[in-house]
Amino acid sequence: MTRRLPDLEAWAIFAKVAELGSFARAAQELGLSNPTVSKAVTRLEARLGLSLFSRTSRRLSLTEAGRASLERATRILREGEAAEDEAAEQLAIPRGRVRISAPLSFGIAYLATALPEFMTAYPDVALDLSLSDRQVDLVADGFDIAIRIARLEDSSLLARRLCAVRLLLVASPDYLDAHGRPTHPRQLMDHDVLAYTGGNTPGVWRFNHALFGEEVVEPPIRLWTDNADVLNPALLAGRGMAIQPEFLVWEQLSGGALEQIMPDWECPPLGLHLMTPPSSLRPLRVQAVIDHLAAALATTPWARA
């Protein structure tokens, strides 16, 4: 029995409808008529013998079968777009939309200042920036690029490391004058601590010393938050100490408003990475964004090799 070729166009249209949550919006973005988009999804559902969407007059949502199929359908869409872009002339002008995910604090502090220059250089590229400390699924959520500040686990995603990001234990001089300057991690148990809840083990602080090895402590926490920016006002007001990424405190450290504590005891550093979906094909518009961000972010005052 001869197997029919897959209906790649219908799968791509399904992925776009799921991404935008609307048949009409998908039709508009794809440059197709509403009936063409609707018929493509209906044709695919008939071929599968399954419903991919639950449709009501007010809401469109994926069925269980739709959710299970979405990741591969999105990959078909992205691979097709990338293949067409790569087949185009190398001197073609980058155009189209690029979706970027980035951590909230980092995005506001650094992406916001890096993007205007890109927009001037590439007027035909539209940028869709989503800021959240939540780790998105690039393929399922339809992102072209994700900025991650982390120690990366094994992944099928492609990663471009830009630089190291140091984590520093800091407090204000006023707090340290009043409560003392600890010299060993165990002394942190007697201090007021402010903590970021992101990461795999929030509230667990790890330090490494060149001579004494690793020390792990769980100090008492006075303030928890899922956004590290929230900690800086409390630090500057002398309410405690915190481990902060250098990019959030380097200016305060340079100006003396904050002080690094126990510099001989280092926190394991993170890496600043640009992540892309697992494909060797990359649209020109995406590559242009990657190159621009890599150049802009790798030369910041806090960037480390």
C-alpha atoms as a PDB file:
ATOM      1  CA  MET A   1       0.000   0.000   0.000  1.00  0.00           C
ATOM      2  CA  THR A   2       1.377   3.385  -1.027  1.00  0.00           C
ATOM      3  CA  ARG A   3       1.347   5.954   1.751  1.00  0.00           C
ATOM      4  CA  ARG A   4       0.213   9.456   0.864  1.00  0.00           C
ATOM      5  CA  LEU A   5       2.522  12.385   1.362  1.00  0.00           C
ATOM      6  CA  PRO A   6       1.759  14.405   4.502  1.00  0.00           C
ATOM      7  CA  ASP A   7      -0.315  17.545   4.051  1.00  0.00           C
ATOM      8  CA  LEU A   8       2.527  19.895   5.058  1.00  0.00           C
ATOM      9  CA  GLU A   9       0.605  23.054   4.163  1.00  0.00           C
ATOM     10  CA  ALA A  10      -2.285  22.076   6.445  1.00  0.00           C
ATOM     11  CA  TRP A  11       0.104  21.246   9.285  1.00  0.00           C
ATOM     12  CA  ALA A  12       1.787  24.633   8.918  1.00  0.00           C
ATOM     13  CA  ILE A  13      -1.565  26.432   8.867  1.00  0.00           C
ATOM     14  CA  PHE A  14      -2.670  24.500  11.954  1.00  0.00           C
ATOM     15  CA  ALA A  15       0.518  25.607  13.772  1.00  0.00           C
ATOM     16  CA  LYS A  16      -0.107  29.252  12.872  1.00  0.00           C
ATOM     17  CA  VAL A  17      -3.752  29.116  14.019  1.00  0.00           C
ATOM     18  CA  ALA A  18      -2.630  27.548  17.329  1.00  0.00           C
ATOM     19  CA  GLU A  19       0.098  30.182  17.773  1.00  0.00           C
ATOM     20  CA  LEU A  20      -2.276  33.123  17.214  1.00  0.00           C
ATOM     21  CA  GLY A  21      -5.379  31.548  18.738  1.00  0.00           C
ATOM     22  CA  SER A  22      -7.540  32.664  15.834  1.00  0.00           C
ATOM     23  CA  PHE A  23      -8.399  31.494  12.306  1.00  0.00           C
ATOM     24  CA  ALA A  24      -8.896  35.084  11.162  1.00  0.00           C
ATOM     25  CA  ARG A  25      -5.577  36.336  12.564  1.00  0.00           C
ATOM     26  CA  ALA A  26      -3.749  33.355  11.052  1.00  0.00           C
ATOM     27  CA  ALA A  27      -5.336  34.049   7.671  1.00  0.00           C
ATOM     28  CA  GLN A  28      -4.289  37.697   7.862  1.00  0.00           C
ATOM     29  CA  GLU A  29      -0.680  36.904   8.792  1.00  0.00           C
ATOM     30  CA  LEU A  30      -0.359  34.168   6.171  1.00  0.00           C
ATOM     31  CA  GLY A  31      -1.986  36.267   3.448  1.00  0.00           C
ATOM     32  CA  LEU A  32      -4.746  33.714   2.915  1.00  0.00           C
ATOM     33  CA  SER A  33      -8.517  33.933   2.965  1.00  0.00           C
ATOM     34  CA  ASN A  34     -10.434  32.853   6.057  1.00  0.00           C
ATOM     35  CA  PRO A  35     -12.117  29.962   4.193  1.00  0.00           C
ATOM     36  CA  THR A  36      -8.740  28.681   2.933  1.00  0.00           C
ATOM     37  CA  VAL A  37      -7.373  28.514   6.489  1.00  0.00           C
ATOM     38  CA  SER A  38     -10.519  26.907   7.866  1.00  0.00           C
ATOM     39  CA  LYS A  39     -10.655  24.328   5.048  1.00  0.00           C
ATOM     40  CA  ALA A  40      -6.991  23.395   5.563  1.00  0.00           C
ATOM     41  CA  VAL A  41      -7.544  22.602   9.245  1.00  0.00           C
ATOM     42  CA  THR A  42     -10.802  20.773   8.488  1.00  0.00           C
ATOM     43  CA  ARG A  43      -9.008  18.763   5.784  1.00  0.00           C
ATOM     44  CA  LEU A  44      -6.273  17.814   8.243  1.00  0.00           C
ATOM     45  CA  GLU A  45      -8.773  16.806  10.927  1.00  0.00           C
ATOM     46  CA  ALA A  46     -10.648  14.653   8.400  1.00  0.00           C
ATOM     47  CA  ARG A  47      -7.431  12.965   7.365  1.00  0.00           C
ATOM     48  CA  LEU A  48      -6.491  12.231  10.975  1.00  0.00           C
ATOM     49  CA  GLY A  49      -9.976  11.345  12.134  1.00  0.00           C
ATOM     50  CA  LEU A  50      -9.423  13.636  15.115  1.00  0.00           C
ATOM     51  CA  SER A  51     -10.445  17.119  16.160  1.00  0.00           C
ATOM     52  CA  LEU A  52      -7.478  19.448  16.696  1.00  0.00           C
ATOM     53  CA  PHE A  53      -9.468  22.421  18.028  1.00  0.00           C
ATOM     54  CA  SER A  54     -12.487  22.877  20.247  1.00  0.00           C
ATOM     55  CA  ARG A  55     -14.521  25.666  18.686  1.00  0.00           C
ATOM     56  CA  THR A  56     -17.157  27.787  20.352  1.00  0.00           C
ATOM     57  CA  SER A  57     -18.575  31.188  19.404  1.00  0.00           C
ATOM     58  CA  ARG A  58     -16.264  32.859  21.924  1.00  0.00           C
ATOM     59  CA  ARG A  59     -13.202  30.656  22.239  1.00  0.00           C
ATOM     60  CA  LEU A  60     -10.813  28.524  20.239  1.00  0.00           C
ATOM     61  CA  SER A  61      -8.745  25.996  22.183  1.00  0.00           C
ATOM     62  CA  LEU A  62      -6.604  22.978  21.389  1.00  0.00           C
ATOM     63  CA  THR A  63      -7.923  19.498  22.028  1.00  0.00           C
ATOM     64  CA  GLU A  64      -5.702  16.878  23.613  1.00  0.00           C
ATOM     65  CA  ALA A  65      -4.823  15.634  20.120  1.00  0.00           C
ATOM     66  CA  GLY A  66      -4.065  19.190  19.037  1.00  0.00           C
ATOM     67  CA  ARG A  67      -1.726  19.768  21.959  1.00  0.00           C
ATOM     68  CA  ALA A  68       0.074  16.488  21.254  1.00  0.00           C
ATOM     69  CA  SER A  69       0.574  17.446  17.590  1.00  0.00           C
ATOM     70  CA  LEU A  70       1.510  21.096  18.062  1.00  0.00           C
ATOM     71  CA  GLU A  71       5.266  20.790  18.622  1.00  0.00           C
ATOM     72  CA  ARG A  72       5.875  18.857  15.405  1.00  0.00           C
ATOM     73  CA  ALA A  73       3.484  21.080  13.458  1.00  0.00           C
ATOM     74  CA  THR A  74       5.307  24.185  14.678  1.00  0.00           C
ATOM     75  CA  ARG A  75       8.598  22.626  13.640  1.00  0.00           C
ATOM     76  CA  ILE A  76       7.199  22.004  10.144  1.00  0.00           C
ATOM     77  CA  LEU A  77       6.185  25.665   9.914  1.00  0.00           C
ATOM     78  CA  ARG A  78       9.536  26.986  11.162  1.00  0.00           C
ATOM     79  CA  GLU A  79      11.566  24.594   8.989  1.00  0.00           C
ATOM     80  CA  GLY A  80       9.560  25.588   5.925  1.00  0.00           C
ATOM     81  CA  GLU A  81      10.035  29.288   6.604  1.00  0.00           C
ATOM     82  CA  ALA A  82      13.749  28.798   7.185  1.00  0.00           C
ATOM     83  CA  ALA A  83      14.195  26.670   4.060  1.00  0.00           C
ATOM     84  CA  GLU A  84      12.548  29.317   1.884  1.00  0.00           C
ATOM     85  CA  ASP A  85      14.606  32.099   3.419  1.00  0.00           C
ATOM     86  CA  GLU A  86      17.856  30.177   2.960  1.00  0.00           C
ATOM     87  CA  ALA A  87      16.992  29.377  -0.646  1.00  0.00           C
ATOM     88  CA  ALA A  88      16.474  33.065  -1.364  1.00  0.00           C
ATOM     89  CA  GLU A  89      19.311  35.224  -2.588  1.00  0.00           C
ATOM     90  CA  GLN A  90      21.996  35.777   0.019  1.00  0.00           C
ATOM     91  CA  LEU A  91      21.713  39.526  -0.440  1.00  0.00           C
ATOM     92  CA  ALA A  92      18.000  39.520   0.274  1.00  0.00           C
ATOM     93  CA  ILE A  93      16.834  42.073   2.810  1.00  0.00           C
ATOM     94  CA  PRO A  94      15.804  40.477   6.157  1.00  0.00           C
ATOM     95  CA  ARG A  95      12.104  40.932   6.705  1.00  0.00           C
ATOM     96  CA  GLY A  96       9.307  39.487   8.792  1.00  0.00           C
ATOM     97  CA  ARG A  97       8.625  38.942  12.484  1.00  0.00           C
ATOM     98  CA  VAL A  98      11.123  37.626  15.041  1.00  0.00           C
ATOM     99  CA  ARG A  99       9.806  36.435  18.397  1.00  0.00           C
ATOM    100  CA  ILE A 100      12.222  36.813  21.324  1.00  0.00           C
ATOM    101  CA  SER A 101      11.890  35.588  24.908  1.00  0.00           C
ATOM    102  CA  ALA A 102      14.052  37.096  27.658  1.00  0.00           C
ATOM    103  CA  PRO A 103      14.133  37.365  31.463  1.00  0.00           C
ATOM    104  CA  LEU A 104      12.179  40.364  32.725  1.00  0.00           C
ATOM    105  CA  SER A 105      14.886  42.349  34.536  1.00  0.00           C
ATOM    106  CA  PHE A 106      17.537  41.660  31.918  1.00  0.00           C
ATOM    107  CA  GLY A 107      15.189  42.540  29.077  1.00  0.00           C
ATOM    108  CA  ILE A 108      14.266  45.897  30.549  1.00  0.00           C
ATOM    109  CA  ALA A 109      17.833  46.819  31.479  1.00  0.00           C
ATOM    110  CA  TYR A 110      19.681  45.657  28.353  1.00  0.00           C
ATOM    111  CA  LEU A 111      17.463  44.515  25.482  1.00  0.00           C
ATOM    112  CA  ALA A 112      15.412  47.697  25.652  1.00  0.00           C
ATOM    113  CA  THR A 113      18.538  49.728  24.891  1.00  0.00           C
ATOM    114  CA  ALA A 114      19.925  47.313  22.270  1.00  0.00           C
ATOM    115  CA  LEU A 115      16.840  47.032  20.058  1.00  0.00           C
ATOM    116  CA  PRO A 116      16.363  50.620  18.776  1.00  0.00           C
ATOM    117  CA  GLU A 117      19.649  50.484  16.836  1.00  0.00           C
ATOM    118  CA  PHE A 118      18.567  47.181  15.283  1.00  0.00           C
ATOM    119  CA  MET A 119      15.203  48.664  14.312  1.00  0.00           C
ATOM    120  CA  THR A 120      16.990  51.477  12.500  1.00  0.00           C
ATOM    121  CA  ALA A 121      19.297  49.076  10.635  1.00  0.00           C
ATOM    122  CA  TYR A 122      16.524  46.606   9.700  1.00  0.00           C
ATOM    123  CA  PRO A 123      13.265  48.501   9.091  1.00  0.00           C
ATOM    124  CA  ASP A 124      11.585  45.465   7.498  1.00  0.00           C
ATOM    125  CA  VAL A 125      11.990  43.241  10.568  1.00  0.00           C
ATOM    126  CA  ALA A 126       9.258  43.329  13.225  1.00  0.00           C
ATOM    127  CA  LEU A 127      10.304  42.376  16.759  1.00  0.00           C
ATOM    128  CA  ASP A 128       7.964  40.604  19.186  1.00  0.00           C
ATOM    129  CA  LEU A 129       9.599  40.660  22.632  1.00  0.00           C
ATOM    130  CA  SER A 130       8.173  38.647  25.528  1.00  0.00           C
ATOM    131  CA  LEU A 131       9.660  39.349  28.972  1.00  0.00           C
ATOM    132  CA  SER A 132       9.215  36.748  31.701  1.00  0.00           C
ATOM    133  CA  ASP A 133      11.401  34.763  34.084  1.00  0.00           C
ATOM    134  CA  ARG A 134       9.446  31.668  33.004  1.00  0.00           C
ATOM    135  CA  GLN A 135      11.498  29.319  30.827  1.00  0.00           C
ATOM    136  CA  VAL A 136       9.551  29.032  27.581  1.00  0.00           C
ATOM    137  CA  ASP A 137       9.440  26.100  25.191  1.00  0.00           C
ATOM    138  CA  LEU A 138      10.861  27.652  22.032  1.00  0.00           C
ATOM    139  CA  VAL A 139       9.281  25.163  19.640  1.00  0.00           C
ATOM    140  CA  ALA A 140       5.861  24.736  21.243  1.00  0.00           C
ATOM    141  CA  ASP A 141       5.524  28.445  22.114  1.00  0.00           C
ATOM    142  CA  GLY A 142       6.724  29.617  18.711  1.00  0.00           C
ATOM    143  CA  PHE A 143       9.809  31.626  19.702  1.00  0.00           C
ATOM    144  CA  ASP A 144      12.740  32.195  17.358  1.00  0.00           C
ATOM    145  CA  ILE A 145      15.248  33.217  20.058  1.00  0.00           C
ATOM    146  CA  ALA A 146      15.394  32.916  23.836  1.00  0.00           C
ATOM    147  CA  ILE A 147      17.918  34.639  26.066  1.00  0.00           C
ATOM    148  CA  ARG A 148      18.782  32.426  29.017  1.00  0.00           C
ATOM    149  CA  ILE A 149      20.993  33.267  31.958  1.00  0.00           C
ATOM    150  CA  ALA A 150      21.652  29.880  33.475  1.00  0.00           C
ATOM    151  CA  ARG A 151      23.855  26.830  33.743  1.00  0.00           C
ATOM    152  CA  LEU A 152      22.475  24.954  30.769  1.00  0.00           C
ATOM    153  CA  GLU A 153      21.283  21.381  30.988  1.00  0.00           C
ATOM    154  CA  ASP A 154      21.508  18.970  28.050  1.00  0.00           C
ATOM    155  CA  SER A 155      19.063  20.089  25.393  1.00  0.00           C
ATOM    156  CA  SER A 156      18.256  19.659  21.718  1.00  0.00           C
ATOM    157  CA  LEU A 157      18.204  23.455  21.410  1.00  0.00           C
ATOM    158  CA  LEU A 158      21.104  25.289  19.828  1.00  0.00           C
ATOM    159  CA  ALA A 159      22.985  27.584  22.206  1.00  0.00           C
ATOM    160  CA  ARG A 160      25.413  30.436  21.587  1.00  0.00           C
ATOM    161  CA  ARG A 161      27.252  31.416  24.759  1.00  0.00           C
ATOM    162  CA  LEU A 162      28.049  35.114  24.908  1.00  0.00           C
ATOM    163  CA  CYS A 163      29.732  35.496  28.277  1.00  0.00           C
ATOM    164  CA  ALA A 164      29.753  34.464  31.933  1.00  0.00           C
ATOM    165  CA  VAL A 165      27.523  36.200  34.475  1.00  0.00           C
ATOM    166  CA  ARG A 166      28.919  36.356  38.001  1.00  0.00           C
ATOM    167  CA  LEU A 167      26.636  36.016  41.002  1.00  0.00           C
ATOM    168  CA  LEU A 168      27.746  38.293  43.844  1.00  0.00           C
ATOM    169  CA  LEU A 169      26.815  38.385  47.524  1.00  0.00           C
ATOM    170  CA  VAL A 170      26.142  42.069  48.247  1.00  0.00           C
ATOM    171  CA  ALA A 171      24.777  44.424  50.888  1.00  0.00           C
ATOM    172  CA  SER A 172      24.904  48.145  51.629  1.00  0.00           C
ATOM    173  CA  PRO A 173      27.819  49.535  53.690  1.00  0.00           C
ATOM    174  CA  ASP A 174      25.294  50.776  56.268  1.00  0.00           C
ATOM    175  CA  TYR A 175      23.915  47.265  56.771  1.00  0.00           C
ATOM    176  CA  LEU A 176      27.402  45.783  57.074  1.00  0.00           C
ATOM    177  CA  ASP A 177      28.564  48.512  59.486  1.00  0.00           C
ATOM    178  CA  ALA A 178      25.589  47.741  61.717  1.00  0.00           C
ATOM    179  CA  HIS A 179      25.599  43.920  61.478  1.00  0.00           C
ATOM    180  CA  GLY A 180      29.194  43.033  60.688  1.00  0.00           C
ATOM    181  CA  ARG A 181      30.961  41.696  57.591  1.00  0.00           C
ATOM    182  CA  PRO A 182      30.822  37.883  57.424  1.00  0.00           C
ATOM    183  CA  THR A 183      33.947  36.049  56.301  1.00  0.00           C
ATOM    184  CA  HIS A 184      32.525  32.506  56.076  1.00  0.00           C
ATOM    185  CA  PRO A 185      29.207  31.240  54.599  1.00  0.00           C
ATOM    186  CA  ARG A 186      28.107  29.748  57.944  1.00  0.00           C
ATOM    187  CA  GLN A 187      28.047  33.255  59.417  1.00  0.00           C
ATOM    188  CA  LEU A 188      25.205  34.131  57.025  1.00  0.00           C
ATOM    189  CA  MET A 189      22.836  32.264  59.313  1.00  0.00           C
ATOM    190  CA  ASP A 190      22.981  35.290  61.640  1.00  0.00           C
ATOM    191  CA  HIS A 191      22.063  37.838  58.951  1.00  0.00           C
ATOM    192  CA  ASP A 192      18.953  39.134  57.228  1.00  0.00           C
ATOM    193  CA  VAL A 193      18.742  37.601  53.770  1.00  0.00           C
ATOM    194  CA  LEU A 194      16.809  38.587  50.647  1.00  0.00           C
ATOM    195  CA  ALA A 195      16.295  35.844  48.079  1.00  0.00           C
ATOM    196  CA  TYR A 196      15.288  35.346  44.444  1.00  0.00           C
ATOM    197  CA  THR A 197      12.997  32.360  43.994  1.00  0.00           C
ATOM    198  CA  GLY A 198      14.162  31.476  40.473  1.00  0.00           C
ATOM    199  CA  GLY A 199      16.600  28.659  39.855  1.00  0.00           C
ATOM    200  CA  ASN A 200      16.459  25.001  40.760  1.00  0.00           C
ATOM    201  CA  THR A 201      17.060  25.376  44.529  1.00  0.00           C
ATOM    202  CA  PRO A 202      15.837  28.778  45.756  1.00  0.00           C
ATOM    203  CA  GLY A 203      17.041  29.648  49.231  1.00  0.00           C
ATOM    204  CA  VAL A 204      19.991  27.248  49.019  1.00  0.00           C
ATOM    205  CA  TRP A 205      23.242  29.200  48.652  1.00  0.00           C
ATOM    206  CA  ARG A 206      26.375  27.501  47.343  1.00  0.00           C
ATOM    207  CA  PHE A 207      29.878  28.937  47.648  1.00  0.00           C
ATOM    208  CA  ASN A 208      33.283  27.714  46.491  1.00  0.00           C
ATOM    209  CA  HIS A 209      36.644  28.647  47.965  1.00  0.00           C
ATOM    210  CA  ALA A 210      40.010  28.016  46.307  1.00  0.00           C
ATOM    211  CA  LEU A 211      41.375  26.407  49.496  1.00  0.00           C
ATOM    212  CA  PHE A 212      38.367  25.263  51.527  1.00  0.00           C
ATOM    213  CA  GLY A 213      36.146  23.840  48.781  1.00  0.00           C
ATOM    214  CA  GLU A 214      32.354  24.017  48.699  1.00  0.00           C
ATOM    215  CA  GLU A 215      30.041  25.279  51.433  1.00  0.00           C
ATOM    216  CA  VAL A 216      26.231  25.093  51.236  1.00  0.00           C
ATOM    217  CA  VAL A 217      23.959  27.103  53.536  1.00  0.00           C
ATOM    218  CA  GLU A 218      20.226  27.812  53.826  1.00  0.00           C
ATOM    219  CA  PRO A 219      20.061  31.160  55.629  1.00  0.00           C
ATOM    220  CA  PRO A 220      16.787  32.533  57.050  1.00  0.00           C
ATOM    221  CA  ILE A 221      14.956  34.526  54.361  1.00  0.00           C
ATOM    222  CA  ARG A 222      13.218  37.816  55.186  1.00  0.00           C
ATOM    223  CA  LEU A 223      12.105  38.636  51.625  1.00  0.00           C
ATOM    224  CA  TRP A 224      11.303  36.255  48.774  1.00  0.00           C
ATOM    225  CA  THR A 225      10.631  37.436  45.217  1.00  0.00           C
ATOM    226  CA  ASP A 226      10.431  35.988  41.709  1.00  0.00           C
ATOM    227  CA  ASN A 227      11.974  39.149  40.233  1.00  0.00           C
ATOM    228  CA  ALA A 228      15.517  40.073  41.250  1.00  0.00           C
ATOM    229  CA  ASP A 229      14.977  43.790  40.560  1.00  0.00           C
ATOM    230  CA  VAL A 230      12.709  43.882  43.602  1.00  0.00           C
ATOM    231  CA  LEU A 231      15.666  43.137  45.861  1.00  0.00           C
ATOM    232  CA  ASN A 232      17.756  46.203  44.987  1.00  0.00           C
ATOM    233  CA  PRO A 233      15.644  48.821  46.868  1.00  0.00           C
ATOM    234  CA  ALA A 234      15.719  46.655  50.009  1.00  0.00           C
ATOM    235  CA  LEU A 235      19.482  46.189  49.634  1.00  0.00           C
ATOM    236  CA  LEU A 236      20.089  49.906  49.220  1.00  0.00           C
ATOM    237  CA  ALA A 237      17.853  50.627  52.235  1.00  0.00           C
ATOM    238  CA  GLY A 238      20.038  48.370  54.405  1.00  0.00           C
ATOM    239  CA  ARG A 239      17.417  45.687  54.973  1.00  0.00           C
ATOM    240  CA  GLY A 240      19.722  42.734  54.346  1.00  0.00           C
ATOM    241  CA  MET A 241      22.032  40.977  51.905  1.00  0.00           C
ATOM    242  CA  ALA A 242      21.355  39.083  48.679  1.00  0.00           C
ATOM    243  CA  ILE A 243      23.026  37.150  45.881  1.00  0.00           C
ATOM    244  CA  GLN A 244      22.486  39.184  42.723  1.00  0.00           C
ATOM    245  CA  PRO A 245      23.691  38.800  39.124  1.00  0.00           C
ATOM    246  CA  GLU A 246      26.431  41.304  38.421  1.00  0.00           C
ATOM    247  CA  PHE A 247      24.463  42.958  35.630  1.00  0.00           C
ATOM    248  CA  LEU A 248      21.882  44.172  38.187  1.00  0.00           C
ATOM    249  CA  VAL A 249      24.337  45.635  40.720  1.00  0.00           C
ATOM    250  CA  TRP A 250      27.560  46.592  38.919  1.00  0.00           C
ATOM    251  CA  GLU A 251      26.675  50.305  38.893  1.00  0.00           C
ATOM    252  CA  GLN A 252      25.847  50.324  42.622  1.00  0.00           C
ATOM    253  CA  LEU A 253      29.079  48.457  43.357  1.00  0.00           C
ATOM    254  CA  SER A 254      31.101  50.920  41.288  1.00  0.00           C
ATOM    255  CA  GLY A 255      29.487  53.865  43.052  1.00  0.00           C
ATOM    256  CA  GLY A 256      29.864  52.426  46.555  1.00  0.00           C
ATOM    257  CA  ALA A 257      26.130  52.117  47.266  1.00  0.00           C
ATOM    258  CA  LEU A 258      26.608  48.340  47.589  1.00  0.00           C
ATOM    259  CA  GLU A 259      29.579  46.275  48.719  1.00  0.00           C
ATOM    260  CA  GLN A 260      30.605  42.760  47.730  1.00  0.00           C
ATOM    261  CA  ILE A 261      30.792  40.382  50.695  1.00  0.00           C
ATOM    262  CA  MET A 262      33.194  37.450  51.034  1.00  0.00           C
ATOM    263  CA  PRO A 263      34.860  37.889  47.606  1.00  0.00           C
ATOM    264  CA  ASP A 264      37.038  34.809  48.278  1.00  0.00           C
ATOM    265  CA  TRP A 265      33.893  32.660  48.448  1.00  0.00           C
ATOM    266  CA  GLU A 266      32.505  32.554  44.900  1.00  0.00           C
ATOM    267  CA  CYS A 267      29.012  31.567  43.839  1.00  0.00           C
ATOM    268  CA  PRO A 268      28.995  29.250  40.790  1.00  0.00           C
ATOM    269  CA  PRO A 269      28.625  31.613  37.797  1.00  0.00           C
ATOM    270  CA  LEU A 270      25.900  31.500  35.178  1.00  0.00           C
ATOM    271  CA  GLY A 271      26.215  31.891  31.419  1.00  0.00           C
ATOM    272  CA  LEU A 272      24.452  34.318  29.093  1.00  0.00           C
ATOM    273  CA  HIS A 273      23.166  32.295  26.132  1.00  0.00           C
ATOM    274  CA  LEU A 274      21.201  32.910  22.956  1.00  0.00           C
ATOM    275  CA  MET A 275      19.017  29.836  22.372  1.00  0.00           C
ATOM    276  CA  THR A 276      17.390  28.861  19.065  1.00  0.00           C
ATOM    277  CA  PRO A 277      15.270  25.882  17.959  1.00  0.00           C
ATOM    278  CA  PRO A 278      17.072  22.691  16.862  1.00  0.00           C
ATOM    279  CA  SER A 279      17.478  23.431  13.161  1.00  0.00           C
ATOM    280  CA  SER A 280      20.465  24.177  10.965  1.00  0.00           C
ATOM    281  CA  LEU A 281      18.207  26.374   8.832  1.00  0.00           C
ATOM    282  CA  ARG A 282      17.794  29.892  10.150  1.00  0.00           C
ATOM    283  CA  PRO A 283      15.913  32.778   8.485  1.00  0.00           C
ATOM    284  CA  LEU A 284      18.003  35.836   7.648  1.00  0.00           C
ATOM    285  CA  ARG A 285      15.865  37.997   9.937  1.00  0.00           C
ATOM    286  CA  VAL A 286      16.606  35.698  12.899  1.00  0.00           C
ATOM    287  CA  GLN A 287      20.327  35.600  12.151  1.00  0.00           C
ATOM    288  CA  ALA A 288      20.382  39.396  11.943  1.00  0.00           C
ATOM    289  CA  VAL A 289      18.858  39.680  15.413  1.00  0.00           C
ATOM    290  CA  ILE A 290      21.277  37.107  16.838  1.00  0.00           C
ATOM    291  CA  ASP A 291      24.315  38.879  15.422  1.00  0.00           C
ATOM    292  CA  HIS A 292      23.140  42.253  16.689  1.00  0.00           C
ATOM    293  CA  LEU A 293      22.356  41.029  20.208  1.00  0.00           C
ATOM    294  CA  ALA A 294      25.615  39.077  20.424  1.00  0.00           C
ATOM    295  CA  ALA A 295      27.616  42.194  19.567  1.00  0.00           C
ATOM    296  CA  ALA A 296      25.621  44.447  21.895  1.00  0.00           C
ATOM    297  CA  LEU A 297      25.474  42.179  24.938  1.00  0.00           C
ATOM    298  CA  ALA A 298      28.978  40.698  24.866  1.00  0.00           C
ATOM    299  CA  THR A 299      30.588  44.121  25.362  1.00  0.00           C
ATOM    300  CA  THR A 300      28.640  45.248  28.421  1.00  0.00           C
ATOM    301  CA  PRO A 301      30.688  46.431  31.452  1.00  0.00           C
ATOM    302  CA  TRP A 302      29.891  43.299  33.467  1.00  0.00           C
ATOM    303  CA  ALA A 303      30.470  40.718  30.685  1.00  0.00           C
ATOM    304  CA  ARG A 304      33.071  38.088  31.640  1.00  0.00           C
ATOM    305  CA  ALA A 305      34.858  35.620  29.397  1.00  0.00           C
END
